[in-house]
PDB file of N, CA and C in Angstrom:
ATOM      1  N   UNK A   1      -5.775 -22.694 -13.053  1.00  0.00           N
ATOM      2  CA  UNK A   1      -5.099 -21.429 -13.488  1.00  0.00           C
ATOM      3  C   UNK A   1      -5.992 -20.256 -14.208  1.00  0.00           C
ATOM      4  N   UNK A   2      -5.537 -19.097 -14.462  1.00  0.00           N
ATOM      5  CA  UNK A   2      -6.587 -18.087 -14.742  1.00  0.00           C
ATOM      6  C   UNK A   2      -5.330 -18.132 -16.359  1.00  0.00           C
ATOM      7  N   UNK A   3      -6.351 -17.971 -17.414  1.00  0.00           N
ATOM      8  CA  UNK A   3      -5.680 -18.030 -18.800  1.00  0.00           C
ATOM      9  C   UNK A   3      -6.024 -16.589 -18.884  1.00  0.00           C
ATOM     10  N   UNK A   4      -5.199 -16.193 -20.022  1.00  0.00           N
ATOM     11  CA  UNK A   4      -4.627 -14.317 -20.422  1.00  0.00           C
ATOM     12  C   UNK A   4      -6.519 -14.833 -20.953  1.00  0.00           C
ATOM     13  N   UNK A   5      -7.462 -14.994 -21.266  1.00  0.00           N
ATOM     14  CA  UNK A   5      -8.639 -14.929 -21.945  1.00  0.00           C
ATOM     15  C   UNK A   5      -9.764 -15.042 -21.390  1.00  0.00           C
ATOM     16  N   UNK A   6      -9.426 -16.001 -20.237  1.00  0.00           N
ATOM     17  CA  UNK A   6     -10.901 -15.812 -19.283  1.00  0.00           C
ATOM     18  C   UNK A   6     -11.432 -14.856 -18.708  1.00  0.00           C
ATOM     19  N   UNK A   7     -12.725 -14.249 -18.723  1.00  0.00           N
ATOM     20  CA  UNK A   7     -13.276 -13.416 -18.174  1.00  0.00           C
ATOM     21  C   UNK A   7     -12.745 -12.771 -16.896  1.00  0.00           C
ATOM     22  N   UNK A   8     -12.644 -11.483 -16.819  1.00  0.00           N
ATOM     23  CA  UNK A   8     -12.375 -10.964 -15.236  1.00  0.00           C
ATOM     24  C   UNK A   8     -13.696 -11.100 -14.183  1.00  0.00           C
ATOM     25  N   UNK A   9     -13.629 -11.283 -13.059  1.00  0.00           N
ATOM     26  CA  UNK A   9     -14.938 -11.595 -11.876  1.00  0.00           C
ATOM     27  C   UNK A   9     -15.552 -10.292 -12.105  1.00  0.00           C
ATOM     28  N   UNK A  10     -16.563 -10.391 -11.335  1.00  0.00           N
ATOM     29  CA  UNK A  10     -17.095  -9.140 -11.599  1.00  0.00           C
ATOM     30  C   UNK A  10     -16.881  -8.354 -10.579  1.00  0.00           C
ATOM     31  N   UNK A  11     -16.932  -6.966 -10.561  1.00  0.00           N
ATOM     32  CA  UNK A  11     -16.379  -6.192  -9.293  1.00  0.00           C
ATOM     33  C   UNK A  11     -16.591  -6.386  -8.153  1.00  0.00           C
ATOM     34  N   UNK A  12     -18.186  -6.599  -8.245  1.00  0.00           N
ATOM     35  CA  UNK A  12     -18.761  -7.062  -6.526  1.00  0.00           C
ATOM     36  C   UNK A  12     -18.018  -8.443  -5.623  1.00  0.00           C
ATOM     37  N   UNK A  13     -17.678  -9.259  -6.769  1.00  0.00           N
ATOM     38  CA  UNK A  13     -16.366 -10.624  -6.204  1.00  0.00           C
ATOM     39  C   UNK A  13     -15.429  -9.652  -5.603  1.00  0.00           C
ATOM     40  N   UNK A  14     -14.942  -9.207  -6.742  1.00  0.00           N
ATOM     41  CA  UNK A  14     -13.421  -8.752  -6.624  1.00  0.00           C
ATOM     42  C   UNK A  14     -13.681  -7.922  -5.144  1.00  0.00           C
ATOM     43  N   UNK A  15     -14.187  -6.511  -4.750  1.00  0.00           N
ATOM     44  CA  UNK A  15     -14.751  -6.183  -3.616  1.00  0.00           C
ATOM     45  C   UNK A  15     -14.843  -6.853  -2.732  1.00  0.00           C
ATOM     46  N   UNK A  16     -15.195  -7.724  -2.568  1.00  0.00           N
ATOM     47  CA  UNK A  16     -15.532  -8.830  -1.486  1.00  0.00           C
ATOM     48  C   UNK A  16     -14.544  -9.333  -1.019  1.00  0.00           C
ATOM     49  N   UNK A  17     -13.758  -9.981  -2.048  1.00  0.00           N
ATOM     50  CA  UNK A  17     -12.383 -10.851  -2.206  1.00  0.00           C
ATOM     51  C   UNK A  17     -11.520  -9.972  -0.858  1.00  0.00           C
ATOM     52  N   UNK A  18     -11.259  -8.391  -2.270  1.00  0.00           N
ATOM     53  CA  UNK A  18     -10.173  -7.850  -1.053  1.00  0.00           C
ATOM     54  C   UNK A  18     -10.388  -7.136   0.261  1.00  0.00           C
ATOM     55  N   UNK A  19     -11.726  -6.911   0.104  1.00  0.00           N
ATOM     56  CA  UNK A  19     -12.027  -6.616   1.244  1.00  0.00           C
ATOM     57  C   UNK A  19     -11.613  -7.428   2.555  1.00  0.00           C
ATOM     58  N   UNK A  20     -11.464  -8.770   2.594  1.00  0.00           N
ATOM     59  CA  UNK A  20     -11.182  -9.743   3.141  1.00  0.00           C
ATOM     60  C   UNK A  20      -9.789 -10.013   3.835  1.00  0.00           C
ATOM     61  N   UNK A  21      -9.040  -9.053   2.634  1.00  0.00           N
ATOM     62  CA  UNK A  21      -7.695  -9.413   2.969  1.00  0.00           C
ATOM     63  C   UNK A  21      -6.978  -8.455   2.762  1.00  0.00           C
ATOM     64  N   UNK A  22      -7.862  -7.175   2.769  1.00  0.00           N
ATOM     65  CA  UNK A  22      -7.111  -5.922   2.405  1.00  0.00           C
ATOM     66  C   UNK A  22      -7.809  -5.038   3.376  1.00  0.00           C
ATOM     67  N   UNK A  23      -8.454  -5.118   3.902  1.00  0.00           N
ATOM     68  CA  UNK A  23      -9.655  -4.837   5.364  1.00  0.00           C
ATOM     69  C   UNK A  23     -10.396  -3.883   4.380  1.00  0.00           C
ATOM     70  N   UNK A  24     -11.214  -2.940   4.737  1.00  0.00           N
ATOM     71  CA  UNK A  24     -12.079  -1.861   4.523  1.00  0.00           C
ATOM     72  C   UNK A  24     -11.800  -0.553   3.972  1.00  0.00           C
ATOM     73  N   UNK A  25     -11.375  -0.799   2.096  1.00  0.00           N
ATOM     74  CA  UNK A  25     -11.364   0.414   1.748  1.00  0.00           C
ATOM     75  C   UNK A  25     -11.454   1.753   2.011  1.00  0.00           C
ATOM     76  N   UNK A  26     -12.502   2.053   2.580  1.00  0.00           N
ATOM     77  CA  UNK A  26     -12.737   3.514   3.095  1.00  0.00           C
ATOM     78  C   UNK A  26     -11.176   3.941   4.353  1.00  0.00           C
ATOM     79  N   UNK A  27     -11.450   3.082   5.094  1.00  0.00           N
ATOM     80  CA  UNK A  27     -10.846   3.037   6.326  1.00  0.00           C
ATOM     81  C   UNK A  27      -9.637   3.190   5.748  1.00  0.00           C
ATOM     82  N   UNK A  28      -8.949   2.286   4.927  1.00  0.00           N
ATOM     83  CA  UNK A  28      -7.467   2.124   4.468  1.00  0.00           C
ATOM     84  C   UNK A  28      -7.250   3.802   3.813  1.00  0.00           C
ATOM     85  N   UNK A  29      -8.125   4.140   2.901  1.00  0.00           N
ATOM     86  CA  UNK A  29      -7.657   5.767   2.518  1.00  0.00           C
ATOM     87  C   UNK A  29      -8.081   6.500   3.294  1.00  0.00           C
ATOM     88  N   UNK A  30      -8.582   6.658   4.659  1.00  0.00           N
ATOM     89  CA  UNK A  30      -8.650   7.902   5.579  1.00  0.00           C
ATOM     90  C   UNK A  30      -7.140   7.776   6.264  1.00  0.00           C
ATOM     91  N   UNK A  31      -7.028   6.163   6.404  1.00  0.00           N
ATOM     92  CA  UNK A  31      -5.297   6.237   7.175  1.00  0.00           C
ATOM     93  C   UNK A  31      -4.354   6.400   6.216  1.00  0.00           C
ATOM     94  N   UNK A  32      -4.312   6.587   4.702  1.00  0.00           N
ATOM     95  CA  UNK A  32      -3.292   6.233   3.839  1.00  0.00           C
ATOM     96  C   UNK A  32      -3.045   8.179   3.969  1.00  0.00           C
ATOM     97  N   UNK A  33      -4.131   8.243   3.560  1.00  0.00           N
ATOM     98  CA  UNK A  33      -3.918  10.113   3.185  1.00  0.00           C
ATOM     99  C   UNK A  33      -3.719  10.848   4.446  1.00  0.00           C
ATOM    100  N   UNK A  34      -4.124  10.348   5.573  1.00  0.00           N
ATOM    101  CA  UNK A  34      -3.767  11.269   6.734  1.00  0.00           C
ATOM    102  C   UNK A  34      -2.169  11.055   7.104  1.00  0.00           C
ATOM    103  N   UNK A  35      -1.619   9.440   6.468  1.00  0.00           N
ATOM    104  CA  UNK A  35       0.398   9.476   6.629  1.00  0.00           C
ATOM    105  C   UNK A  35       0.738   9.890   5.903  1.00  0.00           C
ATOM    106  N   UNK A  36      -0.281   9.956   4.619  1.00  0.00           N
ATOM    107  CA  UNK A  36       1.036  10.796   2.988  1.00  0.00           C
ATOM    108  C   UNK A  36       0.710  12.122   3.648  1.00  0.00           C
ATOM    109  N   UNK A  37       0.250  12.991   4.109  1.00  0.00           N
ATOM    110  CA  UNK A  37       0.010  14.373   4.411  1.00  0.00           C
ATOM    111  C   UNK A  37       0.801  14.638   5.012  1.00  0.00           C
ATOM    112  N   UNK A  38       1.256  13.696   6.457  1.00  0.00           N
ATOM    113  CA  UNK A  38       1.832  13.619   7.443  1.00  0.00           C
ATOM    114  C   UNK A  38       3.878  13.871   6.902  1.00  0.00           C
ATOM    115  N   UNK A  39       3.912  12.978   6.242  1.00  0.00           N
ATOM    116  CA  UNK A  39       4.988  13.146   4.760  1.00  0.00           C
ATOM    117  C   UNK A  39       5.049  14.471   4.418  1.00  0.00           C
ATOM    118  N   UNK A  40       4.578  14.708   3.885  1.00  0.00           N
ATOM    119  CA  UNK A  40       4.533  16.198   2.883  1.00  0.00           C
ATOM    120  C   UNK A  40       4.872  17.083   3.363  1.00  0.00           C
ATOM    121  N   UNK A  41       4.619  17.306   4.809  1.00  0.00           N
ATOM    122  CA  UNK A  41       4.449  18.220   5.778  1.00  0.00           C
ATOM    123  C   UNK A  41       5.761  18.508   6.264  1.00  0.00           C
ATOM    124  N   UNK A  42       6.310  17.582   6.281  1.00  0.00           N
ATOM    125  CA  UNK A  42       7.648  17.612   6.532  1.00  0.00           C
ATOM    126  C   UNK A  42       9.053  18.177   6.088  1.00  0.00           C
ATOM    127  N   UNK A  43      10.091  18.704   6.293  1.00  0.00           N
ATOM    128  CA  UNK A  43      11.027  19.475   5.455  1.00  0.00           C
ATOM    129  C   UNK A  43      12.173  18.449   4.601  1.00  0.00           C
ATOM    130  N   UNK A  44      11.668  17.358   4.925  1.00  0.00           N
ATOM    131  CA  UNK A  44      12.656  16.625   4.188  1.00  0.00           C
ATOM    132  C   UNK A  44      11.918  15.935   3.054  1.00  0.00           C
ATOM    133  N   UNK A  45      10.612  16.051   2.843  1.00  0.00           N
ATOM    134  CA  UNK A  45      10.110  14.953   1.685  1.00  0.00           C
ATOM    135  C   UNK A  45      10.426  15.487   0.590  1.00  0.00           C
ATOM    136  N   UNK A  46      10.625  16.947   0.402  1.00  0.00           N
ATOM    137  CA  UNK A  46      11.612  17.030  -1.313  1.00  0.00           C
ATOM    138  C   UNK A  46      13.042  16.856  -1.484  1.00  0.00           C
ATOM    139  N   UNK A  47      13.532  16.700  -0.644  1.00  0.00           N
ATOM    140  CA  UNK A  47      14.720  15.816  -0.817  1.00  0.00           C
ATOM    141  C   UNK A  47      14.871  14.855  -1.003  1.00  0.00           C
ATOM    142  N   UNK A  48      13.747  14.144  -1.019  1.00  0.00           N
ATOM    143  CA  UNK A  48      13.823  12.349  -1.098  1.00  0.00           C
ATOM    144  C   UNK A  48      13.758  12.229  -2.834  1.00  0.00           C
ATOM    145  N   UNK A  49      14.438  11.133  -3.483  1.00  0.00           N
ATOM    146  CA  UNK A  49      14.134  11.282  -4.824  1.00  0.00           C
ATOM    147  C   UNK A  49      12.478  10.043  -5.062  1.00  0.00           C
ATOM    148  N   UNK A  50      12.200  10.375  -6.155  1.00  0.00           N
ATOM    149  CA  UNK A  50      11.159   9.952  -6.479  1.00  0.00           C
ATOM    150  C   UNK A  50      10.741   8.717  -5.917  1.00  0.00           C
ATOM    151  N   UNK A  51      11.718   7.691  -5.825  1.00  0.00           N
ATOM    152  CA  UNK A  51      11.329   6.241  -5.561  1.00  0.00           C
ATOM    153  C   UNK A  51      11.611   6.124  -4.414  1.00  0.00           C
ATOM    154  N   UNK A  52      11.927   6.477  -3.651  1.00  0.00           N
ATOM    155  CA  UNK A  52      11.933   7.052  -2.011  1.00  0.00           C
ATOM    156  C   UNK A  52      10.546   7.435  -1.853  1.00  0.00           C
ATOM    157  N   UNK A  53       9.528   8.453  -2.592  1.00  0.00           N
ATOM    158  CA  UNK A  53       8.875   9.039  -2.289  1.00  0.00           C
ATOM    159  C   UNK A  53       7.747   8.086  -2.101  1.00  0.00           C
ATOM    160  N   UNK A  54       7.909   7.524  -3.628  1.00  0.00           N
ATOM    161  CA  UNK A  54       6.817   6.687  -3.822  1.00  0.00           C
ATOM    162  C   UNK A  54       6.855   4.888  -2.737  1.00  0.00           C
ATOM    163  N   UNK A  55       7.896   5.004  -2.713  1.00  0.00           N
ATOM    164  CA  UNK A  55       7.963   3.674  -1.198  1.00  0.00           C
ATOM    165  C   UNK A  55       7.517   3.842   0.193  1.00  0.00           C
ATOM    166  N   UNK A  56       7.665   4.960  -0.054  1.00  0.00           N
ATOM    167  CA  UNK A  56       7.184   6.039   1.170  1.00  0.00           C
ATOM    168  C   UNK A  56       5.521   6.107   1.061  1.00  0.00           C
ATOM    169  N   UNK A  57       4.917   6.348  -0.107  1.00  0.00           N
ATOM    170  CA  UNK A  57       3.365   6.395  -0.217  1.00  0.00           C
ATOM    171  C   UNK A  57       3.276   4.964  -0.238  1.00  0.00           C
ATOM    172  N   UNK A  58       3.483   3.895  -0.734  1.00  0.00           N
ATOM    173  CA  UNK A  58       3.313   2.661  -0.535  1.00  0.00           C
ATOM    174  C   UNK A  58       3.242   2.030   0.565  1.00  0.00           C
ATOM    175  N   UNK A  59       4.162   2.499   1.398  1.00  0.00           N
ATOM    176  CA  UNK A  59       4.743   1.790   3.116  1.00  0.00           C
ATOM    177  C   UNK A  59       2.861   1.753   3.577  1.00  0.00           C
ATOM    178  N   UNK A  60       2.636   3.930   3.558  1.00  0.00           N
ATOM    179  CA  UNK A  60       1.094   4.317   3.779  1.00  0.00           C
ATOM    180  C   UNK A  60       0.323   3.033   3.900  1.00  0.00           C
ATOM    181  N   UNK A  61       0.014   2.525   2.710  1.00  0.00           N
ATOM    182  CA  UNK A  61      -0.869   2.409   2.258  1.00  0.00           C
ATOM    183  C   UNK A  61      -0.974   0.662   2.909  1.00  0.00           C
ATOM    184  N   UNK A  62       0.586   0.342   3.099  1.00  0.00           N
ATOM    185  CA  UNK A  62       0.573  -0.925   3.649  1.00  0.00           C
ATOM    186  C   UNK A  62       0.367  -0.866   5.237  1.00  0.00           C
ATOM    187  N   UNK A  63       0.877   0.332   5.928  1.00  0.00           N
ATOM    188  CA  UNK A  63       0.309   0.369   7.377  1.00  0.00           C
ATOM    189  C   UNK A  63      -1.486   0.247   7.380  1.00  0.00           C
ATOM    190  N   UNK A  64      -1.655   1.095   6.543  1.00  0.00           N
ATOM    191  CA  UNK A  64      -3.271   1.443   6.574  1.00  0.00           C
ATOM    192  C   UNK A  64      -3.761  -0.074   6.426  1.00  0.00           C
ATOM    193  N   UNK A  65      -3.302  -0.867   5.740  1.00  0.00           N
ATOM    194  CA  UNK A  65      -3.942  -1.872   5.460  1.00  0.00           C
ATOM    195  C   UNK A  65      -3.909  -3.322   6.822  1.00  0.00           C
ATOM    196  N   UNK A  66      -2.825  -2.955   7.396  1.00  0.00           N
ATOM    197  CA  UNK A  66      -2.074  -3.670   8.728  1.00  0.00           C
ATOM    198  C   UNK A  66      -3.388  -3.406   9.446  1.00  0.00           C
ATOM    199  N   UNK A  67      -3.542  -2.205   9.826  1.00  0.00           N
ATOM    200  CA  UNK A  67      -3.987  -1.455  10.144  1.00  0.00           C
ATOM    201  C   UNK A  67      -5.949  -1.418  10.399  1.00  0.00           C
ATOM    202  N   UNK A  68      -6.233  -1.868   9.115  1.00  0.00           N
ATOM    203  CA  UNK A  68      -7.595  -2.511   9.225  1.00  0.00           C
ATOM    204  C   UNK A  68      -8.071  -3.448   9.303  1.00  0.00           C
ATOM    205  N   UNK A  69      -7.380  -4.229   9.434  1.00  0.00           N
ATOM    206  CA  UNK A  69      -7.728  -5.503   9.766  1.00  0.00           C
ATOM    207  C   UNK A  69      -8.120  -6.773   8.651  1.00  0.00           C
ATOM    208  N   UNK A  70      -7.085  -6.312   7.489  1.00  0.00           N
ATOM    209  CA  UNK A  70      -7.122  -7.329   6.595  1.00  0.00           C
ATOM    210  C   UNK A  70      -6.490  -8.717   7.072  1.00  0.00           C
ATOM    211  N   UNK A  71      -7.319  -9.831   6.572  1.00  0.00           N
ATOM    212  CA  UNK A  71      -6.766 -11.095   6.921  1.00  0.00           C
ATOM    213  C   UNK A  71      -5.316 -11.722   6.734  1.00  0.00           C
ATOM    214  N   UNK A  72      -4.523 -10.718   6.093  1.00  0.00           N
ATOM    215  CA  UNK A  72      -3.389 -11.385   5.261  1.00  0.00           C
ATOM    216  C   UNK A  72      -1.752 -10.100   5.854  1.00  0.00           C
ATOM    217  N   UNK A  73      -1.562 -10.182   7.017  1.00  0.00           N
ATOM    218  CA  UNK A  73      -0.792  -9.001   7.360  1.00  0.00           C
ATOM    219  C   UNK A  73       0.642  -9.515   7.713  1.00  0.00           C
ATOM    220  N   UNK A  74       0.694 -10.554   7.454  1.00  0.00           N
ATOM    221  CA  UNK A  74       2.285 -11.279   6.784  1.00  0.00           C
ATOM    222  C   UNK A  74       2.320 -10.423   5.516  1.00  0.00           C
ATOM    223  N   UNK A  75       1.126 -10.954   4.432  1.00  0.00           N
ATOM    224  CA  UNK A  75       2.021 -10.089   3.307  1.00  0.00           C
ATOM    225  C   UNK A  75       2.247  -8.553   3.420  1.00  0.00           C
ATOM    226  N   UNK A  76       1.292  -8.109   3.906  1.00  0.00           N
ATOM    227  CA  UNK A  76       1.585  -6.557   3.775  1.00  0.00           C
ATOM    228  C   UNK A  76       2.531  -6.214   4.875  1.00  0.00           C
ATOM    229  N   UNK A  77       3.314  -6.818   5.558  1.00  0.00           N
ATOM    230  CA  UNK A  77       4.387  -6.897   6.349  1.00  0.00           C
ATOM    231  C   UNK A  77       5.808  -6.997   5.669  1.00  0.00           C
ATOM    232  N   UNK A  78       5.815  -8.057   4.872  1.00  0.00           N
ATOM    233  CA  UNK A  78       6.726  -8.324   3.736  1.00  0.00           C
ATOM    234  C   UNK A  78       6.483  -7.727   2.394  1.00  0.00           C
ATOM    235  N   UNK A  79       5.954  -6.842   2.276  1.00  0.00           N
ATOM    236  CA  UNK A  79       5.616  -5.845   1.203  1.00  0.00           C
ATOM    237  C   UNK A  79       6.403  -4.729   1.957  1.00  0.00           C
ATOM    238  N   UNK A  80       5.862  -3.981   2.933  1.00  0.00           N
ATOM    239  CA  UNK A  80       6.675  -2.919   3.575  1.00  0.00           C
ATOM    240  C   UNK A  80       7.906  -3.586   3.452  1.00  0.00           C
ATOM    241  N   UNK A  81       8.513  -4.267   3.904  1.00  0.00           N
ATOM    242  CA  UNK A  81      10.059  -4.493   3.844  1.00  0.00           C
ATOM    243  C   UNK A  81      10.540  -4.174   2.392  1.00  0.00           C
ATOM    244  N   UNK A  82       9.788  -5.144   1.598  1.00  0.00           N
ATOM    245  CA  UNK A  82       9.833  -4.544   0.106  1.00  0.00           C
ATOM    246  C   UNK A  82      10.273  -3.310  -0.382  1.00  0.00           C
ATOM    247  N   UNK A  83       9.257  -2.446   0.021  1.00  0.00           N
ATOM    248  CA  UNK A  83       9.589  -1.030  -0.925  1.00  0.00           C
ATOM    249  C   UNK A  83      10.362  -0.207   0.214  1.00  0.00           C
ATOM    250  N   UNK A  84      10.993  -0.978   1.726  1.00  0.00           N
ATOM    251  CA  UNK A  84      11.818  -0.141   2.262  1.00  0.00           C
ATOM    252  C   UNK A  84      13.082  -0.135   1.555  1.00  0.00           C
ATOM    253  N   UNK A  85      13.221  -1.982   1.047  1.00  0.00           N
ATOM    254  CA  UNK A  85      14.856  -2.084   0.596  1.00  0.00           C
ATOM    255  C   UNK A  85      14.729  -1.201  -1.086  1.00  0.00           C
ATOM    256  N   UNK A  86      13.536  -0.905  -1.558  1.00  0.00           N
ATOM    257  CA  UNK A  86      13.477  -0.091  -2.664  1.00  0.00           C
ATOM    258  C   UNK A  86      14.454   1.487  -2.667  1.00  0.00           C
ATOM    259  N   UNK A  87      13.554   1.853  -1.198  1.00  0.00           N
ATOM    260  CA  UNK A  87      14.180   3.101  -1.096  1.00  0.00           C
ATOM    261  C   UNK A  87      15.172   3.326  -0.571  1.00  0.00           C
ATOM    262  N   UNK A  88      15.999   2.246   0.030  1.00  0.00           N
ATOM    263  CA  UNK A  88      17.139   2.226   0.238  1.00  0.00           C
ATOM    264  C   UNK A  88      18.388   1.840  -0.609  1.00  0.00           C
ATOM    265  N   UNK A  89      17.514   1.209  -1.742  1.00  0.00           N
ATOM    266  CA  UNK A  89      18.428   1.165  -2.887  1.00  0.00           C
ATOM    267  C   UNK A  89      18.371   2.406  -3.756  1.00  0.00           C
ATOM    268  N   UNK A  90      17.538   3.233  -4.066  1.00  0.00           N
ATOM    269  CA  UNK A  90      17.461   4.486  -4.421  1.00  0.00           C
ATOM    270  C   UNK A  90      18.230   5.256  -3.767  1.00  0.00           C
ATOM    271  N   UNK A  91      18.631   5.564  -2.674  1.00  0.00           N
ATOM    272  CA  UNK A  91      19.499   6.505  -2.069  1.00  0.00           C
ATOM    273  C   UNK A  91      20.680   6.822  -2.710  1.00  0.00           C
ATOM    274  N   UNK A  92      20.998   8.024  -3.047  1.00  0.00           N
ATOM    275  CA  UNK A  92      21.997   8.363  -3.423  1.00  0.00           C
ATOM    276  C   UNK A  92      23.006   9.593  -2.691  1.00  0.00           C
TER     277      UNK A  92
END
């Protein structure tokens, strides 16, 4: 178990680890930015409360990670559900 005073891993190790579970960062960025741009071009974006906007942004990232072939799609699908529930609960 990691202790609070343990030195963090070097970034190269972290990047390598994350790319195996989250997919390629550049590909994730491209997909995510395109989805988020589409959201903002709709007529209803400005009617959403901030929690719903953020949830949709996070959902876009989770979709990108699923599509960029990260090795843990089940985790991303689960997180996607969580963000959808948070958005639903924020609905006023």
